[in-house]
Amino acid sequence: MEFDEKTTQAVEGLITCNNEVMSGTPVFKNTRVPIKNLIDYLEGGETLDEFLEDFPSVSRDQAVKALELAKEMLLTHVHANTH
C-alpha cells in the first residue's frame, strides 16, 4: 500500500528506524522510545498521560501525531481494500 506524500512526510518527521538505535525498532524521532510502547500502553488500559509520564522524552504532540497517523493509515488501508 502506498501513502500520499503528506503521510510519508509525517512518518519521516515523527518516526526513525536506525540499526544503531534500539536495533532498528521504529522509535519516536530523537528518542529511544519505540512507537509500539504507545500502542501497548493504550491497549493495556493506560492513558496517554500515563504513557507521557513514563516516557518524558516523548512530547504530547509527538504522541498525538502518532495516534492520528495510525488512524489515518488504518482508515486508508480499509478504504483501499473495500473499493
PDB file of N, CA and C in Angstrom:
ATOM      1  N   MET A   1       0.847  -1.167   0.000  1.00  0.00           N
ATOM      2  CA  MET A   1       0.000   0.000   0.000  1.00  0.00           C
ATOM      3  C   MET A   1       0.897   1.236   0.000  1.00  0.00           C
ATOM      4  N   GLU A   2       0.540   2.204  -0.800  1.00  0.00           N
ATOM      5  CA  GLU A   2       1.294   3.450  -0.845  1.00  0.00           C
ATOM      6  C   GLU A   2       0.490   4.563  -0.200  1.00  0.00           C
ATOM      7  N   PHE A   3       1.219   5.458   0.469  1.00  0.00           N
ATOM      8  CA  PHE A   3       0.584   6.598   1.108  1.00  0.00           C
ATOM      9  C   PHE A   3       0.982   7.859   0.356  1.00  0.00           C
ATOM     10  N   ASP A   4       0.150   8.885   0.514  1.00  0.00           N
ATOM     11  CA  ASP A   4       0.448  10.131  -0.176  1.00  0.00           C
ATOM     12  C   ASP A   4       1.682  10.788   0.443  1.00  0.00           C
ATOM     13  N   GLU A   5       2.166  11.803  -0.248  1.00  0.00           N
ATOM     14  CA  GLU A   5       3.403  12.477   0.175  1.00  0.00           C
ATOM     15  C   GLU A   5       3.263  13.098   1.562  1.00  0.00           C
ATOM     16  N   LYS A   6       2.094  13.635   1.864  1.00  0.00           N
ATOM     17  CA  LYS A   6       1.863  14.256   3.173  1.00  0.00           C
ATOM     18  C   LYS A   6       2.027  13.226   4.294  1.00  0.00           C
ATOM     19  N   THR A   7       1.454  12.042   4.096  1.00  0.00           N
ATOM     20  CA  THR A   7       1.556  10.982   5.093  1.00  0.00           C
ATOM     21  C   THR A   7       2.992  10.503   5.219  1.00  0.00           C
ATOM     22  N   THR A   8       3.667  10.331   4.092  1.00  0.00           N
ATOM     23  CA  THR A   8       5.060   9.899   4.109  1.00  0.00           C
ATOM     24  C   THR A   8       5.927  10.903   4.860  1.00  0.00           C
ATOM     25  N   GLN A   9       5.715  12.188   4.622  1.00  0.00           N
ATOM     26  CA  GLN A   9       6.476  13.221   5.323  1.00  0.00           C
ATOM     27  C   GLN A   9       6.173  13.210   6.817  1.00  0.00           C
ATOM     28  N   ALA A  10       4.920  12.968   7.168  1.00  0.00           N
ATOM     29  CA  ALA A  10       4.537  12.912   8.577  1.00  0.00           C
ATOM     30  C   ALA A  10       5.255  11.766   9.271  1.00  0.00           C
ATOM     31  N   VAL A  11       5.312  10.612   8.618  1.00  0.00           N
ATOM     32  CA  VAL A  11       6.010   9.462   9.188  1.00  0.00           C
ATOM     33  C   VAL A  11       7.489   9.786   9.366  1.00  0.00           C
ATOM     34  N   GLU A  12       8.101  10.341   8.338  1.00  0.00           N
ATOM     35  CA  GLU A  12       9.528  10.647   8.394  1.00  0.00           C
ATOM     36  C   GLU A  12       9.847  11.709   9.442  1.00  0.00           C
ATOM     37  N   GLY A  13       8.919  12.606   9.713  1.00  0.00           N
ATOM     38  CA  GLY A  13       9.138  13.638  10.719  1.00  0.00           C
ATOM     39  C   GLY A  13       8.880  13.164  12.136  1.00  0.00           C
ATOM     40  N   LEU A  14       8.266  12.005  12.281  1.00  0.00           N
ATOM     41  CA  LEU A  14       7.839  11.516  13.587  1.00  0.00           C
ATOM     42  C   LEU A  14       8.570  10.262  14.040  1.00  0.00           C
ATOM     43  N   ILE A  15       8.935   9.418  13.094  1.00  0.00           N
ATOM     44  CA  ILE A  15       9.472   8.099  13.409  1.00  0.00           C
ATOM     45  C   ILE A  15      10.822   7.907  12.737  1.00  0.00           C
ATOM     46  N   THR A  16      11.739   7.269  13.464  1.00  0.00           N
ATOM     47  CA  THR A  16      13.012   6.908  12.856  1.00  0.00           C
ATOM     48  C   THR A  16      13.292   5.435  13.097  1.00  0.00           C
ATOM     49  N   CYS A  17      14.012   4.848  12.182  1.00  0.00           N
ATOM     50  CA  CYS A  17      14.495   3.465  12.302  1.00  0.00           C
ATOM     51  C   CYS A  17      15.980   3.504  11.973  1.00  0.00           C
ATOM     52  N   ASN A  18      16.784   3.123  12.943  1.00  0.00           N
ATOM     53  CA  ASN A  18      18.229   3.151  12.772  1.00  0.00           C
ATOM     54  C   ASN A  18      18.777   1.913  13.469  1.00  0.00           C
ATOM     55  N   ASN A  19      19.553   1.118  12.760  1.00  0.00           N
ATOM     56  CA  ASN A  19      20.082  -0.114  13.341  1.00  0.00           C
ATOM     57  C   ASN A  19      20.909   0.135  14.599  1.00  0.00           C
ATOM     58  N   GLU A  20      21.406   1.347  14.768  1.00  0.00           N
ATOM     59  CA  GLU A  20      22.210   1.664  15.945  1.00  0.00           C
ATOM     60  C   GLU A  20      21.360   2.176  17.113  1.00  0.00           C
ATOM     61  N   VAL A  21      20.077   2.361  16.894  1.00  0.00           N
ATOM     62  CA  VAL A  21      19.160   2.797  17.950  1.00  0.00           C
ATOM     63  C   VAL A  21      18.103   1.717  18.122  1.00  0.00           C
ATOM     64  N   MET A  22      18.126   1.052  19.248  1.00  0.00           N
ATOM     65  CA  MET A  22      17.144   0.008  19.558  1.00  0.00           C
ATOM     66  C   MET A  22      17.072  -1.052  18.453  1.00  0.00           C
ATOM     67  N   SER A  23      18.219  -1.365  17.868  1.00  0.00           N
ATOM     68  CA  SER A  23      18.338  -2.419  16.840  1.00  0.00           C
ATOM     69  C   SER A  23      17.402  -2.213  15.652  1.00  0.00           C
ATOM     70  N   GLY A  24      17.109  -0.968  15.325  1.00  0.00           N
ATOM     71  CA  GLY A  24      16.280  -0.677  14.156  1.00  0.00           C
ATOM     72  C   GLY A  24      14.792  -0.630  14.431  1.00  0.00           C
ATOM     73  N   THR A  25      14.399  -0.801  15.683  1.00  0.00           N
ATOM     74  CA  THR A  25      12.987  -0.705  16.054  1.00  0.00           C
ATOM     75  C   THR A  25      12.488   0.705  15.751  1.00  0.00           C
ATOM     76  N   PRO A  26      11.297   0.861  15.149  1.00  0.00           N
ATOM     77  CA  PRO A  26      10.763   2.204  14.916  1.00  0.00           C
ATOM     78  C   PRO A  26      10.542   2.936  16.250  1.00  0.00           C
ATOM     79  N   VAL A  27      11.174   4.088  16.377  1.00  0.00           N
ATOM     80  CA  VAL A  27      11.078   4.883  17.602  1.00  0.00           C
ATOM     81  C   VAL A  27      10.606   6.292  17.280  1.00  0.00           C
ATOM     82  N   PHE A  28      10.106   6.978  18.309  1.00  0.00           N
ATOM     83  CA  PHE A  28       9.796   8.397  18.147  1.00  0.00           C
ATOM     84  C   PHE A  28      11.102   9.112  17.830  1.00  0.00           C
ATOM     85  N   LYS A  29      11.072   9.989  16.857  1.00  0.00           N
ATOM     86  CA  LYS A  29      12.261  10.709  16.420  1.00  0.00           C
ATOM     87  C   LYS A  29      12.922  11.414  17.602  1.00  0.00           C
ATOM     88  N   ASN A  30      14.237  11.334  17.651  1.00  0.00           N
ATOM     89  CA  ASN A  30      15.075  11.951  18.686  1.00  0.00           C
ATOM     90  C   ASN A  30      14.856  11.347  20.071  1.00  0.00           C
ATOM     91  N   THR A  31      14.355  10.109  20.118  1.00  0.00           N
ATOM     92  CA  THR A  31      14.202   9.393  21.386  1.00  0.00           C
ATOM     93  C   THR A  31      14.650   7.950  21.165  1.00  0.00           C
ATOM     94  N   ARG A  32      14.598   7.182  22.231  1.00  0.00           N
ATOM     95  CA  ARG A  32      14.835   5.734  22.145  1.00  0.00           C
ATOM     96  C   ARG A  32      13.546   5.001  22.522  1.00  0.00           C
ATOM     97  N   VAL A  33      12.418   5.670  22.377  1.00  0.00           N
ATOM     98  CA  VAL A  33      11.129   5.108  22.782  1.00  0.00           C
ATOM     99  C   VAL A  33      10.417   4.514  21.560  1.00  0.00           C
ATOM    100  N   PRO A  34      10.234   3.186  21.567  1.00  0.00           N
ATOM    101  CA  PRO A  34       9.534   2.556  20.444  1.00  0.00           C
ATOM    102  C   PRO A  34       8.091   3.048  20.318  1.00  0.00           C
ATOM    103  N   ILE A  35       7.661   3.248  19.101  1.00  0.00           N
ATOM    104  CA  ILE A  35       6.279   3.638  18.810  1.00  0.00           C
ATOM    105  C   ILE A  35       5.329   2.590  19.404  1.00  0.00           C
ATOM    106  N   LYS A  36       5.724   1.335  19.329  1.00  0.00           N
ATOM    107  CA  LYS A  36       4.902   0.234  19.831  1.00  0.00           C
ATOM    108  C   LYS A  36       4.552   0.424  21.308  1.00  0.00           C
ATOM    109  N   ASN A  37       5.426   1.052  22.079  1.00  0.00           N
ATOM    110  CA  ASN A  37       5.145   1.264  23.502  1.00  0.00           C
ATOM    111  C   ASN A  37       3.866   2.065  23.705  1.00  0.00           C
ATOM    112  N   LEU A  38       3.650   3.060  22.868  1.00  0.00           N
ATOM    113  CA  LEU A  38       2.440   3.871  22.984  1.00  0.00           C
ATOM    114  C   LEU A  38       1.204   3.007  22.754  1.00  0.00           C
ATOM    115  N   ILE A  39       1.225   2.210  21.711  1.00  0.00           N
ATOM    116  CA  ILE A  39       0.087   1.341  21.408  1.00  0.00           C
ATOM    117  C   ILE A  39      -0.111   0.329  22.534  1.00  0.00           C
ATOM    118  N   ASP A  40       0.978  -0.245  23.019  1.00  0.00           N
ATOM    119  CA  ASP A  40       0.885  -1.222  24.108  1.00  0.00           C
ATOM    120  C   ASP A  40       0.266  -0.602  25.360  1.00  0.00           C
ATOM    121  N   TYR A  41       0.654   0.613  25.684  1.00  0.00           N
ATOM    122  CA  TYR A  41       0.090   1.294  26.852  1.00  0.00           C
ATOM    123  C   TYR A  41      -1.420   1.463  26.699  1.00  0.00           C
ATOM    124  N   LEU A  42      -1.831   1.937  25.554  1.00  0.00           N
ATOM    125  CA  LEU A  42      -3.256   2.176  25.335  1.00  0.00           C
ATOM    126  C   LEU A  42      -4.033   0.867  25.312  1.00  0.00           C
ATOM    127  N   GLU A  43      -3.470  -0.156  24.684  1.00  0.00           N
ATOM    128  CA  GLU A  43      -4.116  -1.474  24.673  1.00  0.00           C
ATOM    129  C   GLU A  43      -4.265  -2.025  26.083  1.00  0.00           C
ATOM    130  N   GLY A  44      -3.302  -1.727  26.934  1.00  0.00           N
ATOM    131  CA  GLY A  44      -3.315  -2.218  28.303  1.00  0.00           C
ATOM    132  C   GLY A  44      -4.202  -1.419  29.240  1.00  0.00           C
ATOM    133  N   GLY A  45      -4.872  -0.396  28.715  1.00  0.00           N
ATOM    134  CA  GLY A  45      -5.786   0.396  29.527  1.00  0.00           C
ATOM    135  C   GLY A  45      -5.161   1.612  30.183  1.00  0.00           C
ATOM    136  N   GLU A  46      -3.877   1.856  29.890  1.00  0.00           N
ATOM    137  CA  GLU A  46      -3.219   3.053  30.420  1.00  0.00           C
ATOM    138  C   GLU A  46      -3.670   4.267  29.606  1.00  0.00           C
ATOM    139  N   THR A  47      -3.513   5.426  30.195  1.00  0.00           N
ATOM    140  CA  THR A  47      -3.890   6.659  29.497  1.00  0.00           C
ATOM    141  C   THR A  47      -2.693   7.253  28.769  1.00  0.00           C
ATOM    142  N   LEU A  48      -2.976   8.182  27.892  1.00  0.00           N
ATOM    143  CA  LEU A  48      -1.914   8.907  27.209  1.00  0.00           C
ATOM    144  C   LEU A  48      -1.044   9.633  28.232  1.00  0.00           C
ATOM    145  N   ASP A  49      -1.665  10.218  29.238  1.00  0.00           N
ATOM    146  CA  ASP A  49      -0.899  10.919  30.271  1.00  0.00           C
ATOM    147  C   ASP A  49       0.051   9.982  31.010  1.00  0.00           C
ATOM    148  N   GLU A  50      -0.396   8.759  31.273  1.00  0.00           N
ATOM    149  CA  GLU A  50       0.477   7.795  31.946  1.00  0.00           C
ATOM    150  C   GLU A  50       1.664   7.434  31.061  1.00  0.00           C
ATOM    151  N   PHE A  51       1.409   7.263  29.774  1.00  0.00           N
ATOM    152  CA  PHE A  51       2.496   6.992  28.834  1.00  0.00           C
ATOM    153  C   PHE A  51       3.501   8.135  28.857  1.00  0.00           C
ATOM    154  N   LEU A  52       2.999   9.354  28.759  1.00  0.00           N
ATOM    155  CA  LEU A  52       3.881  10.520  28.717  1.00  0.00           C
ATOM    156  C   LEU A  52       4.661  10.682  30.019  1.00  0.00           C
ATOM    157  N   GLU A  53       4.059  10.326  31.133  1.00  0.00           N
ATOM    158  CA  GLU A  53       4.759  10.370  32.416  1.00  0.00           C
ATOM    159  C   GLU A  53       5.918   9.388  32.435  1.00  0.00           C
ATOM    160  N   ASP A  54       5.685   8.205  31.913  1.00  0.00           N
ATOM    161  CA  ASP A  54       6.707   7.161  31.924  1.00  0.00           C
ATOM    162  C   ASP A  54       7.775   7.346  30.852  1.00  0.00           C
ATOM    163  N   PHE A  55       7.460   8.103  29.813  1.00  0.00           N
ATOM    164  CA  PHE A  55       8.406   8.343  28.719  1.00  0.00           C
ATOM    165  C   PHE A  55       8.497   9.849  28.443  1.00  0.00           C
ATOM    166  N   PRO A  56       9.127  10.585  29.354  1.00  0.00           N
ATOM    167  CA  PRO A  56       9.154  12.051  29.246  1.00  0.00           C
ATOM    168  C   PRO A  56       9.904  12.588  28.013  1.00  0.00           C
ATOM    169  N   SER A  57      10.677  11.740  27.340  1.00  0.00           N
ATOM    170  CA  SER A  57      11.366  12.214  26.127  1.00  0.00           C
ATOM    171  C   SER A  57      10.416  12.327  24.939  1.00  0.00           C
ATOM    172  N   VAL A  58       9.216  11.755  25.069  1.00  0.00           N
ATOM    173  CA  VAL A  58       8.197  11.865  24.021  1.00  0.00           C
ATOM    174  C   VAL A  58       7.267  13.016  24.389  1.00  0.00           C
ATOM    175  N   SER A  59       7.072  13.932  23.468  1.00  0.00           N
ATOM    176  CA  SER A  59       6.173  15.061  23.731  1.00  0.00           C
ATOM    177  C   SER A  59       4.726  14.638  23.470  1.00  0.00           C
ATOM    178  N   ARG A  60       3.816  15.363  24.080  1.00  0.00           N
ATOM    179  CA  ARG A  60       2.386  15.110  23.836  1.00  0.00           C
ATOM    180  C   ARG A  60       2.096  15.250  22.341  1.00  0.00           C
ATOM    181  N   ASP A  61       2.671  16.257  21.715  1.00  0.00           N
ATOM    182  CA  ASP A  61       2.454  16.481  20.290  1.00  0.00           C
ATOM    183  C   ASP A  61       2.898  15.264  19.474  1.00  0.00           C
ATOM    184  N   GLN A  62       4.058  14.692  19.801  1.00  0.00           N
ATOM    185  CA  GLN A  62       4.529  13.506  19.084  1.00  0.00           C
ATOM    186  C   GLN A  62       3.554  12.340  19.253  1.00  0.00           C
ATOM    187  N   ALA A  63       3.107  12.119  20.482  1.00  0.00           N
ATOM    188  CA  ALA A  63       2.209  11.002  20.754  1.00  0.00           C
ATOM    189  C   ALA A  63       0.880  11.174  20.028  1.00  0.00           C
ATOM    190  N   VAL A  64       0.325  12.365  20.087  1.00  0.00           N
ATOM    191  CA  VAL A  64      -0.955  12.625  19.418  1.00  0.00           C
ATOM    192  C   VAL A  64      -0.796  12.476  17.909  1.00  0.00           C
ATOM    193  N   LYS A  65       0.285  12.995  17.358  1.00  0.00           N
ATOM    194  CA  LYS A  65       0.513  12.861  15.913  1.00  0.00           C
ATOM    195  C   LYS A  65       0.658  11.398  15.516  1.00  0.00           C
ATOM    196  N   ALA A  66       1.317  10.601  16.357  1.00  0.00           N
ATOM    197  CA  ALA A  66       1.466   9.176  16.063  1.00  0.00           C
ATOM    198  C   ALA A  66       0.105   8.488  16.030  1.00  0.00           C
ATOM    199  N   LEU A  67      -0.755   8.825  16.974  1.00  0.00           N
ATOM    200  CA  LEU A  67      -2.094   8.235  17.001  1.00  0.00           C
ATOM    201  C   LEU A  67      -2.925   8.689  15.804  1.00  0.00           C
ATOM    202  N   GLU A  68      -2.821   9.958  15.453  1.00  0.00           N
ATOM    203  CA  GLU A  68      -3.544  10.470  14.285  1.00  0.00           C
ATOM    204  C   GLU A  68      -3.059   9.782  13.013  1.00  0.00           C
ATOM    205  N   LEU A  69      -1.756   9.588  12.925  1.00  0.00           N
ATOM    206  CA  LEU A  69      -1.174   8.930  11.759  1.00  0.00           C
ATOM    207  C   LEU A  69      -1.612   7.468  11.687  1.00  0.00           C
ATOM    208  N   ALA A  70      -1.630   6.796  12.824  1.00  0.00           N
ATOM    209  CA  ALA A  70      -2.090   5.405  12.858  1.00  0.00           C
ATOM    210  C   ALA A  70      -3.547   5.324  12.401  1.00  0.00           C
ATOM    211  N   LYS A  71      -4.365   6.250  12.868  1.00  0.00           N
ATOM    212  CA  LYS A  71      -5.774   6.269  12.466  1.00  0.00           C
ATOM    213  C   LYS A  71      -5.891   6.490  10.962  1.00  0.00           C
ATOM    214  N   GLU A  72      -5.160   7.459  10.445  1.00  0.00           N
ATOM    215  CA  GLU A  72      -5.215   7.759   9.015  1.00  0.00           C
ATOM    216  C   GLU A  72      -4.770   6.559   8.187  1.00  0.00           C
ATOM    217  N   MET A  73      -3.687   5.912   8.616  1.00  0.00           N
ATOM    218  CA  MET A  73      -3.179   4.762   7.867  1.00  0.00           C
ATOM    219  C   MET A  73      -4.172   3.598   7.916  1.00  0.00           C
ATOM    220  N   LEU A  74      -4.763   3.362   9.056  1.00  0.00           N
ATOM    221  CA  LEU A  74      -5.750   2.288   9.188  1.00  0.00           C
ATOM    222  C   LEU A  74      -6.958   2.553   8.296  1.00  0.00           C
ATOM    223  N   LEU A  75      -7.474   3.771   8.336  1.00  0.00           N
ATOM    224  CA  LEU A  75      -8.641   4.105   7.521  1.00  0.00           C
ATOM    225  C   LEU A  75      -8.313   4.058   6.037  1.00  0.00           C
ATOM    226  N   THR A  76      -7.120   4.503   5.669  1.00  0.00           N
ATOM    227  CA  THR A  76      -6.701   4.438   4.266  1.00  0.00           C
ATOM    228  C   THR A  76      -6.609   2.995   3.809  1.00  0.00           C
ATOM    229  N   HIS A  77      -6.052   2.147   4.659  1.00  0.00           N
ATOM    230  CA  HIS A  77      -5.924   0.728   4.332  1.00  0.00           C
ATOM    231  C   HIS A  77      -7.287   0.073   4.144  1.00  0.00           C
ATOM    232  N   VAL A  78      -8.190   0.334   5.071  1.00  0.00           N
ATOM    233  CA  VAL A  78      -9.533  -0.243   4.999  1.00  0.00           C
ATOM    234  C   VAL A  78     -10.252   0.263   3.743  1.00  0.00           C
ATOM    235  N   HIS A  79     -10.164   1.556   3.512  1.00  0.00           N
ATOM    236  CA  HIS A  79     -10.831   2.138   2.348  1.00  0.00           C
ATOM    237  C   HIS A  79     -10.285   1.540   1.042  1.00  0.00           C
ATOM    238  N   ALA A  80      -8.968   1.386   0.964  1.00  0.00           N
ATOM    239  CA  ALA A  80      -8.347   0.859  -0.246  1.00  0.00           C
ATOM    240  C   ALA A  80      -8.742  -0.597  -0.491  1.00  0.00           C
ATOM    241  N   ASN A  81      -9.032  -1.322   0.562  1.00  0.00           N
ATOM    242  CA  ASN A  81      -9.352  -2.744   0.412  1.00  0.00           C
ATOM    243  C   ASN A  81     -10.836  -3.042   0.346  1.00  0.00           C
ATOM    244  N   THR A  82     -11.672  -2.001   0.404  1.00  0.00           N
ATOM    245  CA  THR A  82     -13.110  -2.228   0.300  1.00  0.00           C
ATOM    246  C   THR A  82     -13.687  -1.652  -0.987  1.00  0.00           C
ATOM    247  N   HIS A  83     -12.870  -1.026  -1.789  1.00  0.00           N
ATOM    248  CA  HIS A  83     -13.363  -0.450  -3.050  1.00  0.00           C
ATOM    249  C   HIS A  83     -12.636  -1.018  -4.227  1.00  0.00           C
TER     250      HIS A  83
END
